[in-house]
Full PDB file with SEQRES, HELIX, SHEET, SSBOND, CRYST1, ORIGX, SCALE, CONECT and MASTER records, all heavy atoms in Angstrom:
SEQRES   1 A   39  THR ASP GLU THR VAL LEU THR SER ARG GLY GLN ASP LEU          
SEQRES   2 A   39  ASP ARG HIS GLU GLN THR PRO GLU GLU ILE LEU GLU ALA          
SEQRES   3 A   39  SER TYR SER ASP LEU ARG ARG ALA LEU ALA ASP GLU LEU          
HELIX    1 AA1 ASP A    2  THR A    4  5                                   3    
HELIX    2 AA2 ARG A   15  GLU A   17  5                                   3    
HELIX    3 AA3 PRO A   20  GLU A   38  1                                  19    
CRYST1    1.000    1.000    1.000  90.00  90.00  90.00 P 1           1          
ORIGX1      1.000000  0.000000  0.000000        0.00000                         
ORIGX2      0.000000  1.000000  0.000000        0.00000                         
ORIGX3      0.000000  0.000000  1.000000        0.00000                         
SCALE1      1.000000  0.000000  0.000000        0.00000                         
SCALE2      0.000000  1.000000  0.000000        0.00000                         
SCALE3      0.000000  0.000000  1.000000        0.00000                         
ATOM      1  N   THR A   1      -1.807   4.667   4.092  1.00  0.00           N  
ATOM      2  CA  THR A   1      -1.309   5.488   5.170  1.00  0.00           C  
ATOM      3  C   THR A   1       0.164   5.759   4.984  1.00  0.00           C  
ATOM      4  O   THR A   1       0.830   5.170   4.120  1.00  0.00           O  
ATOM      5  CB  THR A   1      -1.508   4.771   6.516  1.00  0.00           C  
ATOM      6  OG1 THR A   1      -0.687   3.596   6.525  1.00  0.00           O  
ATOM      7  CG2 THR A   1      -2.948   4.363   6.707  1.00  0.00           C  
ATOM      8  N   ASP A   2       0.699   6.656   5.830  1.00  0.00           N  
ATOM      9  CA  ASP A   2       2.114   6.970   5.756  1.00  0.00           C  
ATOM     10  C   ASP A   2       2.981   5.755   6.053  1.00  0.00           C  
ATOM     11  O   ASP A   2       4.167   5.747   5.736  1.00  0.00           O  
ATOM     12  CB  ASP A   2       2.455   8.099   6.735  1.00  0.00           C  
ATOM     13  CG  ASP A   2       1.848   9.417   6.295  1.00  0.00           C  
ATOM     14  OD1 ASP A   2       1.543   9.554   5.104  1.00  0.00           O  
ATOM     15  OD2 ASP A   2       1.678  10.281   7.153  1.00  0.00           O  
ATOM     16  N   GLU A   3       2.419   4.733   6.664  1.00  0.00           N  
ATOM     17  CA  GLU A   3       3.185   3.549   7.012  1.00  0.00           C  
ATOM     18  C   GLU A   3       3.576   2.735   5.795  1.00  0.00           C  
ATOM     19  O   GLU A   3       4.423   1.850   5.883  1.00  0.00           O  
ATOM     20  CB  GLU A   3       2.387   2.670   7.980  1.00  0.00           C  
ATOM     21  CG  GLU A   3       2.114   3.327   9.315  1.00  0.00           C  
ATOM     22  CD  GLU A   3       1.257   2.445  10.199  1.00  0.00           C  
ATOM     23  OE1 GLU A   3       0.667   1.504   9.665  1.00  0.00           O  
ATOM     24  OE2 GLU A   3       1.194   2.717  11.403  1.00  0.00           O  
ATOM     25  N   THR A   4       2.966   3.032   4.633  1.00  0.00           N  
ATOM     26  CA  THR A   4       3.275   2.245   3.454  1.00  0.00           C  
ATOM     27  C   THR A   4       4.064   3.035   2.427  1.00  0.00           C  
ATOM     28  O   THR A   4       4.049   2.737   1.255  1.00  0.00           O  
ATOM     29  CB  THR A   4       1.976   1.728   2.798  1.00  0.00           C  
ATOM     30  OG1 THR A   4       1.134   2.833   2.472  1.00  0.00           O  
ATOM     31  CG2 THR A   4       1.224   0.818   3.739  1.00  0.00           C  
ATOM     32  N   VAL A   5       4.756   4.108   2.843  1.00  0.00           N  
ATOM     33  CA  VAL A   5       5.611   4.862   1.937  1.00  0.00           C  
ATOM     34  C   VAL A   5       6.771   3.987   1.503  1.00  0.00           C  
ATOM     35  O   VAL A   5       7.407   3.317   2.318  1.00  0.00           O  
ATOM     36  CB  VAL A   5       6.139   6.131   2.631  1.00  0.00           C  
ATOM     37  CG1 VAL A   5       7.084   6.866   1.711  1.00  0.00           C  
ATOM     38  CG2 VAL A   5       4.983   7.022   3.024  1.00  0.00           C  
ATOM     39  N   LEU A   6       7.078   3.986   0.215  1.00  0.00           N  
ATOM     40  CA  LEU A   6       8.123   3.124  -0.291  1.00  0.00           C  
ATOM     41  C   LEU A   6       9.489   3.782  -0.175  1.00  0.00           C  
ATOM     42  O   LEU A   6       9.631   4.990  -0.337  1.00  0.00           O  
ATOM     43  CB  LEU A   6       7.854   2.771  -1.764  1.00  0.00           C  
ATOM     44  CG  LEU A   6       6.559   2.025  -2.041  1.00  0.00           C  
ATOM     45  CD1 LEU A   6       6.448   1.721  -3.526  1.00  0.00           C  
ATOM     46  CD2 LEU A   6       6.486   0.749  -1.242  1.00  0.00           C  
ATOM     47  N   THR A   7      10.497   2.990   0.078  1.00  0.00           N  
ATOM     48  CA  THR A   7      11.865   3.483   0.081  1.00  0.00           C  
ATOM     49  C   THR A   7      12.391   3.473  -1.339  1.00  0.00           C  
ATOM     50  O   THR A   7      11.752   2.992  -2.266  1.00  0.00           O  
ATOM     51  CB  THR A   7      12.752   2.589   0.958  1.00  0.00           C  
ATOM     52  OG1 THR A   7      12.829   1.291   0.339  1.00  0.00           O  
ATOM     53  CG2 THR A   7      12.173   2.440   2.353  1.00  0.00           C  
ATOM     54  N   SER A   8      13.601   3.992  -1.528  1.00  0.00           N  
ATOM     55  CA  SER A   8      14.191   4.034  -2.859  1.00  0.00           C  
ATOM     56  C   SER A   8      14.456   2.633  -3.402  1.00  0.00           C  
ATOM     57  O   SER A   8      14.623   2.448  -4.605  1.00  0.00           O  
ATOM     58  CB  SER A   8      15.502   4.820  -2.816  1.00  0.00           C  
ATOM     59  OG  SER A   8      16.412   4.205  -1.928  1.00  0.00           O  
ATOM     60  N   ARG A   9      14.502   1.630  -2.533  1.00  0.00           N  
ATOM     61  CA  ARG A   9      14.725   0.266  -2.970  1.00  0.00           C  
ATOM     62  C   ARG A   9      13.416  -0.476  -3.226  1.00  0.00           C  
ATOM     63  O   ARG A   9      13.420  -1.670  -3.493  1.00  0.00           O  
ATOM     64  CB  ARG A   9      15.550  -0.493  -1.929  1.00  0.00           C  
ATOM     65  CG  ARG A   9      16.964   0.074  -1.774  1.00  0.00           C  
ATOM     66  CD  ARG A   9      17.771  -0.761  -0.801  1.00  0.00           C  
ATOM     67  NE  ARG A   9      19.108  -0.217  -0.652  1.00  0.00           N  
ATOM     68  CZ  ARG A   9      20.040  -0.748   0.144  1.00  0.00           C  
ATOM     69  NH1 ARG A   9      19.741  -1.836   0.845  1.00  0.00           N  
ATOM     70  NH2 ARG A   9      21.231  -0.203   0.237  1.00  0.00           N  
ATOM     71  N   GLY A  10      12.302   0.242  -3.108  1.00  0.00           N  
ATOM     72  CA  GLY A  10      11.014  -0.357  -3.406  1.00  0.00           C  
ATOM     73  C   GLY A  10      10.452  -1.191  -2.280  1.00  0.00           C  
ATOM     74  O   GLY A  10       9.550  -1.991  -2.486  1.00  0.00           O  
ATOM     75  N   GLN A  11      10.965  -1.016  -1.052  1.00  0.00           N  
ATOM     76  CA  GLN A  11      10.464  -1.781   0.069  1.00  0.00           C  
ATOM     77  C   GLN A  11       9.712  -0.866   1.020  1.00  0.00           C  
ATOM     78  O   GLN A  11      10.052   0.300   1.160  1.00  0.00           O  
ATOM     79  CB  GLN A  11      11.617  -2.456   0.816  1.00  0.00           C  
ATOM     80  CG  GLN A  11      12.379  -3.468  -0.048  1.00  0.00           C  
ATOM     81  CD  GLN A  11      13.585  -4.014   0.672  1.00  0.00           C  
ATOM     82  OE1 GLN A  11      14.098  -3.375   1.577  1.00  0.00           O  
ATOM     83  NE2 GLN A  11      14.023  -5.189   0.272  1.00  0.00           N  
ATOM     84  N   ASP A  12       8.710  -1.396   1.705  1.00  0.00           N  
ATOM     85  CA  ASP A  12       7.921  -0.592   2.630  1.00  0.00           C  
ATOM     86  C   ASP A  12       8.726  -0.288   3.885  1.00  0.00           C  
ATOM     87  O   ASP A  12       9.419  -1.142   4.431  1.00  0.00           O  
ATOM     88  CB  ASP A  12       6.638  -1.322   3.010  1.00  0.00           C  
ATOM     89  CG  ASP A  12       5.655  -1.335   1.862  1.00  0.00           C  
ATOM     90  OD1 ASP A  12       5.879  -0.618   0.872  1.00  0.00           O  
ATOM     91  OD2 ASP A  12       4.671  -2.061   1.951  1.00  0.00           O  
ATOM     92  N   LEU A  13       8.623   0.934   4.371  1.00  0.00           N  
ATOM     93  CA  LEU A  13       9.359   1.336   5.554  1.00  0.00           C  
ATOM     94  C   LEU A  13       8.918   0.564   6.788  1.00  0.00           C  
ATOM     95  O   LEU A  13       9.732   0.098   7.565  1.00  0.00           O  
ATOM     96  CB  LEU A  13       9.167   2.843   5.786  1.00  0.00           C  
ATOM     97  CG  LEU A  13       9.814   3.775   4.762  1.00  0.00           C  
ATOM     98  CD1 LEU A  13       9.409   5.213   5.062  1.00  0.00           C  
ATOM     99  CD2 LEU A  13      11.333   3.638   4.781  1.00  0.00           C  
ATOM    100  N   ASP A  14       7.604   0.414   6.972  1.00  0.00           N  
ATOM    101  CA  ASP A  14       7.084  -0.209   8.184  1.00  0.00           C  
ATOM    102  C   ASP A  14       6.185  -1.391   7.876  1.00  0.00           C  
ATOM    103  O   ASP A  14       5.273  -1.700   8.625  1.00  0.00           O  
ATOM    104  CB  ASP A  14       6.315   0.822   9.026  1.00  0.00           C  
ATOM    105  CG  ASP A  14       7.211   1.927   9.532  1.00  0.00           C  
ATOM    106  OD1 ASP A  14       8.325   1.608   9.978  1.00  0.00           O  
ATOM    107  OD2 ASP A  14       6.797   3.093   9.473  1.00  0.00           O  
ATOM    108  N   ARG A  15       6.389  -2.024   6.764  1.00  0.00           N  
ATOM    109  CA  ARG A  15       5.504  -3.121   6.388  1.00  0.00           C  
ATOM    110  C   ARG A  15       5.578  -4.266   7.391  1.00  0.00           C  
ATOM    111  O   ARG A  15       4.602  -4.997   7.587  1.00  0.00           O  
ATOM    112  CB  ARG A  15       5.865  -3.615   4.986  1.00  0.00           C  
ATOM    113  CG  ARG A  15       5.080  -4.852   4.552  1.00  0.00           C  
ATOM    114  CD  ARG A  15       4.982  -4.992   3.066  1.00  0.00           C  
ATOM    115  NE  ARG A  15       4.120  -3.987   2.495  1.00  0.00           N  
ATOM    116  CZ  ARG A  15       3.662  -4.024   1.246  1.00  0.00           C  
ATOM    117  NH1 ARG A  15       3.989  -5.012   0.457  1.00  0.00           N  
ATOM    118  NH2 ARG A  15       2.891  -3.065   0.775  1.00  0.00           N  
ATOM    119  N   HIS A  16       6.724  -4.427   8.047  1.00  0.00           N  
ATOM    120  CA  HIS A  16       6.850  -5.515   9.010  1.00  0.00           C  
ATOM    121  C   HIS A  16       5.933  -5.304  10.207  1.00  0.00           C  
ATOM    122  O   HIS A  16       5.690  -6.231  10.980  1.00  0.00           O  
ATOM    123  CB  HIS A  16       8.317  -5.632   9.476  1.00  0.00           C  
ATOM    124  CG  HIS A  16       8.795  -4.421  10.219  1.00  0.00           C  
ATOM    125  ND1 HIS A  16       9.200  -3.269   9.564  1.00  0.00           N  
ATOM    126  CD2 HIS A  16       8.917  -4.166  11.547  1.00  0.00           C  
ATOM    127  CE1 HIS A  16       9.575  -2.368  10.465  1.00  0.00           C  
ATOM    128  NE2 HIS A  16       9.402  -2.878  11.671  1.00  0.00           N  
ATOM    129  N   GLU A  17       5.423  -4.068  10.385  1.00  0.00           N  
ATOM    130  CA  GLU A  17       4.524  -3.794  11.492  1.00  0.00           C  
ATOM    131  C   GLU A  17       3.061  -4.018  11.118  1.00  0.00           C  
ATOM    132  O   GLU A  17       2.182  -3.896  11.964  1.00  0.00           O  
ATOM    133  CB  GLU A  17       4.712  -2.363  11.988  1.00  0.00           C  
ATOM    134  CG  GLU A  17       6.115  -2.080  12.519  1.00  0.00           C  
ATOM    135  CD  GLU A  17       6.265  -0.663  12.992  1.00  0.00           C  
ATOM    136  OE1 GLU A  17       5.271   0.099  12.877  1.00  0.00           O  
ATOM    137  OE2 GLU A  17       7.345  -0.288  13.452  1.00  0.00           O  
ATOM    138  N   GLN A  18       2.815  -4.324   9.863  1.00  0.00           N  
ATOM    139  CA  GLN A  18       1.446  -4.539   9.406  1.00  0.00           C  
ATOM    140  C   GLN A  18       1.147  -6.029   9.300  1.00  0.00           C  
ATOM    141  O   GLN A  18       2.023  -6.837   8.999  1.00  0.00           O  
ATOM    142  CB  GLN A  18       1.231  -3.883   8.035  1.00  0.00           C  
ATOM    143  CG  GLN A  18       1.364  -2.371   8.047  1.00  0.00           C  
ATOM    144  CD  GLN A  18       1.178  -1.817   6.657  1.00  0.00           C  
ATOM    145  OE1 GLN A  18       2.005  -1.983   5.781  1.00  0.00           O  
ATOM    146  NE2 GLN A  18       0.048  -1.148   6.466  1.00  0.00           N  
ATOM    147  N   THR A  19      -0.117  -6.373   9.527  1.00  0.00           N  
ATOM    148  CA  THR A  19      -0.543  -7.751   9.338  1.00  0.00           C  
ATOM    149  C   THR A  19      -0.760  -8.007   7.849  1.00  0.00           C  
ATOM    150  O   THR A  19      -0.957  -7.063   7.065  1.00  0.00           O  
ATOM    151  CB  THR A  19      -1.857  -8.028  10.083  1.00  0.00           C  
ATOM    152  OG1 THR A  19      -2.918  -7.274   9.472  1.00  0.00           O  
ATOM    153  CG2 THR A  19      -1.733  -7.656  11.551  1.00  0.00           C  
ATOM    154  N   PRO A  20      -0.726  -9.264   7.418  1.00  0.00           N  
ATOM    155  CA  PRO A  20      -0.991  -9.557   6.002  1.00  0.00           C  
ATOM    156  C   PRO A  20      -2.340  -9.013   5.540  1.00  0.00           C  
ATOM    157  O   PRO A  20      -2.471  -8.565   4.397  1.00  0.00           O  
ATOM    158  CB  PRO A  20      -0.952 -11.092   5.960  1.00  0.00           C  
ATOM    159  CG  PRO A  20      -0.023 -11.462   7.065  1.00  0.00           C  
ATOM    160  CD  PRO A  20      -0.305 -10.462   8.158  1.00  0.00           C  
ATOM    161  N   GLU A  21      -3.353  -9.047   6.417  1.00  0.00           N  
ATOM    162  CA  GLU A  21      -4.674  -8.530   6.041  1.00  0.00           C  
ATOM    163  C   GLU A  21      -4.620  -7.021   5.784  1.00  0.00           C  
ATOM    164  O   GLU A  21      -5.249  -6.515   4.857  1.00  0.00           O  
ATOM    165  CB  GLU A  21      -5.701  -8.843   7.128  1.00  0.00           C  
ATOM    166  CG  GLU A  21      -6.112 -10.301   7.206  1.00  0.00           C  
ATOM    167  CD  GLU A  21      -5.118 -11.134   7.989  1.00  0.00           C  
ATOM    168  OE1 GLU A  21      -4.125 -10.551   8.495  1.00  0.00           O  
ATOM    169  OE2 GLU A  21      -5.327 -12.352   8.090  1.00  0.00           O  
ATOM    170  N   GLU A  22      -3.871  -6.300   6.621  1.00  0.00           N  
ATOM    171  CA  GLU A  22      -3.742  -4.855   6.449  1.00  0.00           C  
ATOM    172  C   GLU A  22      -3.038  -4.528   5.145  1.00  0.00           C  
ATOM    173  O   GLU A  22      -3.431  -3.597   4.424  1.00  0.00           O  
ATOM    174  CB  GLU A  22      -2.985  -4.246   7.629  1.00  0.00           C  
ATOM    175  CG  GLU A  22      -3.780  -4.238   8.931  1.00  0.00           C  
ATOM    176  CD  GLU A  22      -2.957  -3.777  10.114  1.00  0.00           C  
ATOM    177  OE1 GLU A  22      -1.721  -3.986  10.101  1.00  0.00           O  
ATOM    178  OE2 GLU A  22      -3.543  -3.199  11.048  1.00  0.00           O  
ATOM    179  N   ILE A  23      -1.988  -5.285   4.841  1.00  0.00           N  
ATOM    180  CA  ILE A  23      -1.261  -5.061   3.595  1.00  0.00           C  
ATOM    181  C   ILE A  23      -2.160  -5.337   2.394  1.00  0.00           C  
ATOM    182  O   ILE A  23      -2.186  -4.575   1.420  1.00  0.00           O  
ATOM    183  CB  ILE A  23      -0.007  -5.961   3.536  1.00  0.00           C  
ATOM    184  CG1 ILE A  23       0.982  -5.552   4.635  1.00  0.00           C  
ATOM    185  CG2 ILE A  23       0.667  -5.865   2.174  1.00  0.00           C  
ATOM    186  CD1 ILE A  23       2.159  -6.484   4.775  1.00  0.00           C  
ATOM    187  N   LEU A  24      -2.941  -6.423   2.482  1.00  0.00           N  
ATOM    188  CA  LEU A  24      -3.832  -6.791   1.380  1.00  0.00           C  
ATOM    189  C   LEU A  24      -4.902  -5.727   1.166  1.00  0.00           C  
ATOM    190  O   LEU A  24      -5.180  -5.320   0.030  1.00  0.00           O  
ATOM    191  CB  LEU A  24      -4.482  -8.144   1.666  1.00  0.00           C  
ATOM    192  CG  LEU A  24      -5.409  -8.702   0.582  1.00  0.00           C  
ATOM    193  CD1 LEU A  24      -4.632  -8.914  -0.703  1.00  0.00           C  
ATOM    194  CD2 LEU A  24      -6.045 -10.008   1.044  1.00  0.00           C  
ATOM    195  N   GLU A  25      -5.507  -5.233   2.254  1.00  0.00           N  
ATOM    196  CA  GLU A  25      -6.557  -4.221   2.128  1.00  0.00           C  
ATOM    197  C   GLU A  25      -6.007  -2.891   1.624  1.00  0.00           C  
ATOM    198  O   GLU A  25      -6.652  -2.205   0.827  1.00  0.00           O  
ATOM    199  CB  GLU A  25      -7.252  -4.036   3.477  1.00  0.00           C  
ATOM    200  CG  GLU A  25      -8.101  -5.237   3.884  1.00  0.00           C  
ATOM    201  CD  GLU A  25      -8.969  -4.954   5.093  1.00  0.00           C  
ATOM    202  OE1 GLU A  25      -9.063  -3.771   5.489  1.00  0.00           O  
ATOM    203  OE2 GLU A  25      -9.566  -5.903   5.644  1.00  0.00           O  
ATOM    204  N   ALA A  26      -4.810  -2.523   2.095  1.00  0.00           N  
ATOM    205  CA  ALA A  26      -4.203  -1.275   1.612  1.00  0.00           C  
ATOM    206  C   ALA A  26      -3.884  -1.372   0.131  1.00  0.00           C  
ATOM    207  O   ALA A  26      -4.097  -0.427  -0.631  1.00  0.00           O  
ATOM    208  CB  ALA A  26      -2.943  -0.966   2.412  1.00  0.00           C  
ATOM    209  N   SER A  27      -3.407  -2.532  -0.298  1.00  0.00           N  
ATOM    210  CA  SER A  27      -3.084  -2.727  -1.716  1.00  0.00           C  
ATOM    211  C   SER A  27      -4.351  -2.687  -2.566  1.00  0.00           C  
ATOM    212  O   SER A  27      -4.367  -2.095  -3.660  1.00  0.00           O  
ATOM    213  CB  SER A  27      -2.368  -4.069  -1.916  1.00  0.00           C  
ATOM    214  OG  SER A  27      -1.147  -4.103  -1.209  1.00  0.00           O  
ATOM    215  N   TYR A  28      -5.430  -3.295  -2.053  1.00  0.00           N  
ATOM    216  CA  TYR A  28      -6.699  -3.266  -2.785  1.00  0.00           C  
ATOM    217  C   TYR A  28      -7.200  -1.825  -2.934  1.00  0.00           C  
ATOM    218  O   TYR A  28      -7.683  -1.428  -3.999  1.00  0.00           O  
ATOM    219  CB  TYR A  28      -7.747  -4.111  -2.064  1.00  0.00           C  
ATOM    220  CG  TYR A  28      -9.132  -3.996  -2.664  1.00  0.00           C  
ATOM    221  CD1 TYR A  28      -9.452  -4.670  -3.836  1.00  0.00           C  
ATOM    222  CD2 TYR A  28     -10.112  -3.194  -2.069  1.00  0.00           C  
ATOM    223  CE1 TYR A  28     -10.716  -4.558  -4.403  1.00  0.00           C  
ATOM    224  CE2 TYR A  28     -11.369  -3.075  -2.626  1.00  0.00           C  
ATOM    225  CZ  TYR A  28     -11.665  -3.761  -3.790  1.00  0.00           C  
ATOM    226  OH  TYR A  28     -12.907  -3.632  -4.355  1.00  0.00           O  
ATOM    227  N   SER A  29      -7.065  -1.041  -1.864  1.00  0.00           N  
ATOM    228  CA  SER A  29      -7.492   0.359  -1.913  1.00  0.00           C  
ATOM    229  C   SER A  29      -6.671   1.132  -2.937  1.00  0.00           C  
ATOM    230  O   SER A  29      -7.203   1.978  -3.660  1.00  0.00           O  
ATOM    231  CB  SER A  29      -7.363   1.010  -0.538  1.00  0.00           C  
ATOM    232  OG  SER A  29      -8.227   0.397   0.396  1.00  0.00           O  
ATOM    233  N   ASP A  30      -5.366   0.863  -2.993  1.00  0.00           N  
ATOM    234  CA  ASP A  30      -4.513   1.520  -3.982  1.00  0.00           C  
ATOM    235  C   ASP A  30      -4.979   1.205  -5.397  1.00  0.00           C  
ATOM    236  O   ASP A  30      -5.093   2.089  -6.254  1.00  0.00           O  
ATOM    237  CB  ASP A  30      -3.060   1.062  -3.821  1.00  0.00           C  
ATOM    238  CG  ASP A  30      -2.419   1.640  -2.570  1.00  0.00           C  
ATOM    239  OD1 ASP A  30      -2.966   2.607  -2.018  1.00  0.00           O  
ATOM    240  OD2 ASP A  30      -1.364   1.132  -2.168  1.00  0.00           O  
ATOM    241  N   LEU A  31      -5.237  -0.066  -5.658  1.00  0.00           N  
ATOM    242  CA  LEU A  31      -5.662  -0.487  -6.990  1.00  0.00           C  
ATOM    243  C   LEU A  31      -7.003   0.136  -7.365  1.00  0.00           C  
ATOM    244  O   LEU A  31      -7.194   0.600  -8.494  1.00  0.00           O  
ATOM    245  CB  LEU A  31      -5.759  -2.013  -7.046  1.00  0.00           C  
ATOM    246  CG  LEU A  31      -4.435  -2.785  -6.968  1.00  0.00           C  
ATOM    247  CD1 LEU A  31      -4.701  -4.266  -6.732  1.00  0.00           C  
ATOM    248  CD2 LEU A  31      -3.638  -2.592  -8.254  1.00  0.00           C  
ATOM    249  N   ARG A  32      -7.922   0.164  -6.430  1.00  0.00           N  
ATOM    250  CA  ARG A  32      -9.258   0.703  -6.706  1.00  0.00           C  
ATOM    251  C   ARG A  32      -9.205   2.201  -6.972  1.00  0.00           C  
ATOM    252  O   ARG A  32      -9.865   2.699  -7.890  1.00  0.00           O  
ATOM    253  CB  ARG A  32     -10.184   0.400  -5.536  1.00  0.00           C  
ATOM    254  CG  ARG A  32     -11.638   0.826  -5.786  1.00  0.00           C  
ATOM    255  CD  ARG A  32     -12.514   0.523  -4.591  1.00  0.00           C  
ATOM    256  NE  ARG A  32     -13.845   1.051  -4.797  1.00  0.00           N  
ATOM    257  CZ  ARG A  32     -14.883   0.335  -5.218  1.00  0.00           C  
ATOM    258  NH1 ARG A  32     -14.749  -0.943  -5.485  1.00  0.00           N  
ATOM    259  NH2 ARG A  32     -16.083   0.899  -5.368  1.00  0.00           N  
ATOM    260  N   ARG A  33      -8.427   2.929  -6.168  1.00  0.00           N  
ATOM    261  CA  ARG A  33      -8.322   4.375  -6.357  1.00  0.00           C  
ATOM    262  C   ARG A  33      -7.672   4.707  -7.698  1.00  0.00           C  
ATOM    263  O   ARG A  33      -8.110   5.610  -8.409  1.00  0.00           O  
ATOM    264  CB  ARG A  33      -7.521   4.990  -5.210  1.00  0.00           C  
ATOM    265  CG  ARG A  33      -7.290   6.494  -5.344  1.00  0.00           C  
ATOM    266  CD  ARG A  33      -8.597   7.282  -5.283  1.00  0.00           C  
ATOM    267  NE  ARG A  33      -8.361   8.706  -5.439  1.00  0.00           N  
ATOM    268  CZ  ARG A  33      -8.065   9.519  -4.419  1.00  0.00           C  
ATOM    269  NH1 ARG A  33      -7.976   9.036  -3.196  1.00  0.00           N  
ATOM    270  NH2 ARG A  33      -7.888  10.809  -4.630  1.00  0.00           N  
ATOM    271  N   ALA A  34      -6.628   3.984  -8.051  1.00  0.00           N  
ATOM    272  CA  ALA A  34      -5.969   4.214  -9.338  1.00  0.00           C  
ATOM    273  C   ALA A  34      -6.921   3.928 -10.494  1.00  0.00           C  
ATOM    274  O   ALA A  34      -6.950   4.671 -11.492  1.00  0.00           O  
ATOM    275  CB  ALA A  34      -4.716   3.346  -9.449  1.00  0.00           C  
ATOM    276  N   LEU A  35      -7.710   2.870 -10.369  1.00  0.00           N  
ATOM    277  CA  LEU A  35      -8.683   2.539 -11.411  1.00  0.00           C  
ATOM    278  C   LEU A  35      -9.752   3.615 -11.519  1.00  0.00           C  
ATOM    279  O   LEU A  35     -10.134   4.021 -12.630  1.00  0.00           O  
ATOM    280  CB  LEU A  35      -9.320   1.185 -11.107  1.00  0.00           C  
ATOM    281  CG  LEU A  35     -10.474   0.751 -12.030  1.00  0.00           C  
ATOM    282  CD1 LEU A  35     -10.011   0.691 -13.479  1.00  0.00           C  
ATOM    283  CD2 LEU A  35     -11.042  -0.595 -11.579  1.00  0.00           C  
ATOM    284  N   ALA A  36     -10.243   4.114 -10.383  1.00  0.00           N  
ATOM    285  CA  ALA A  36     -11.268   5.157 -10.391  1.00  0.00           C  
ATOM    286  C   ALA A  36     -10.753   6.418 -11.080  1.00  0.00           C  
ATOM    287  O   ALA A  36     -11.468   7.040 -11.877  1.00  0.00           O  
ATOM    288  CB  ALA A  36     -11.713   5.470  -8.964  1.00  0.00           C  
ATOM    289  N   ASP A  37      -9.517   6.798 -10.783  1.00  0.00           N  
ATOM    290  CA  ASP A  37      -8.934   7.987 -11.413  1.00  0.00           C  
ATOM    291  C   ASP A  37      -8.801   7.793 -12.919  1.00  0.00           C  
ATOM    292  O   ASP A  37      -9.046   8.712 -13.705  1.00  0.00           O  
ATOM    293  CB  ASP A  37      -7.570   8.297 -10.793  1.00  0.00           C  
ATOM    294  CG  ASP A  37      -7.689   8.837  -9.386  1.00  0.00           C  
ATOM    295  OD1 ASP A  37      -8.802   9.247  -8.996  1.00  0.00           O  
ATOM    296  OD2 ASP A  37      -6.671   8.866  -8.669  1.00  0.00           O  
ATOM    297  N   GLU A  38      -8.400   6.599 -13.322  1.00  0.00           N  
ATOM    298  CA  GLU A  38      -8.265   6.324 -14.755  1.00  0.00           C  
ATOM    299  C   GLU A  38      -9.618   6.389 -15.455  1.00  0.00           C  
ATOM    300  O   GLU A  38      -9.737   6.925 -16.568  1.00  0.00           O  
ATOM    301  CB  GLU A  38      -7.628   4.956 -14.978  1.00  0.00           C  
ATOM    302  CG  GLU A  38      -7.444   4.608 -16.453  1.00  0.00           C  
ATOM    303  CD  GLU A  38      -6.856   3.233 -16.673  1.00  0.00           C  
ATOM    304  OE1 GLU A  38      -6.518   2.555 -15.674  1.00  0.00           O  
ATOM    305  OE2 GLU A  38      -6.728   2.837 -17.849  1.00  0.00           O  
ATOM    306  N   LEU A  39     -10.661   5.857 -14.809  1.00  0.00           N  
ATOM    307  CA  LEU A  39     -11.994   5.894 -15.404  1.00  0.00           C  
ATOM    308  C   LEU A  39     -12.463   7.327 -15.620  1.00  0.00           C  
ATOM    309  O   LEU A  39     -13.021   7.663 -16.676  1.00  0.00           O  
ATOM    310  CB  LEU A  39     -12.990   5.150 -14.504  1.00  0.00           C  
ATOM    311  CG  LEU A  39     -12.847   3.631 -14.426  1.00  0.00           C  
ATOM    312  CD1 LEU A  39     -13.827   3.060 -13.410  1.00  0.00           C  
ATOM    313  CD2 LEU A  39     -13.070   2.994 -15.794  1.00  0.00           C  
TER     314      LEU A  39                                                      
MASTER        0    0    0    3    0    0    0    6  313    1    0    3          
END                                                                             
């Protein structure tokens, strides 16, 4: 989501508003989508 856009320093803009589970699931989705595109 837009809540995980990275700043120029490589930190999430609103990551402090997300739970660890949300961060973990969003990261898993990122990894899976990137892998699917590569395949």
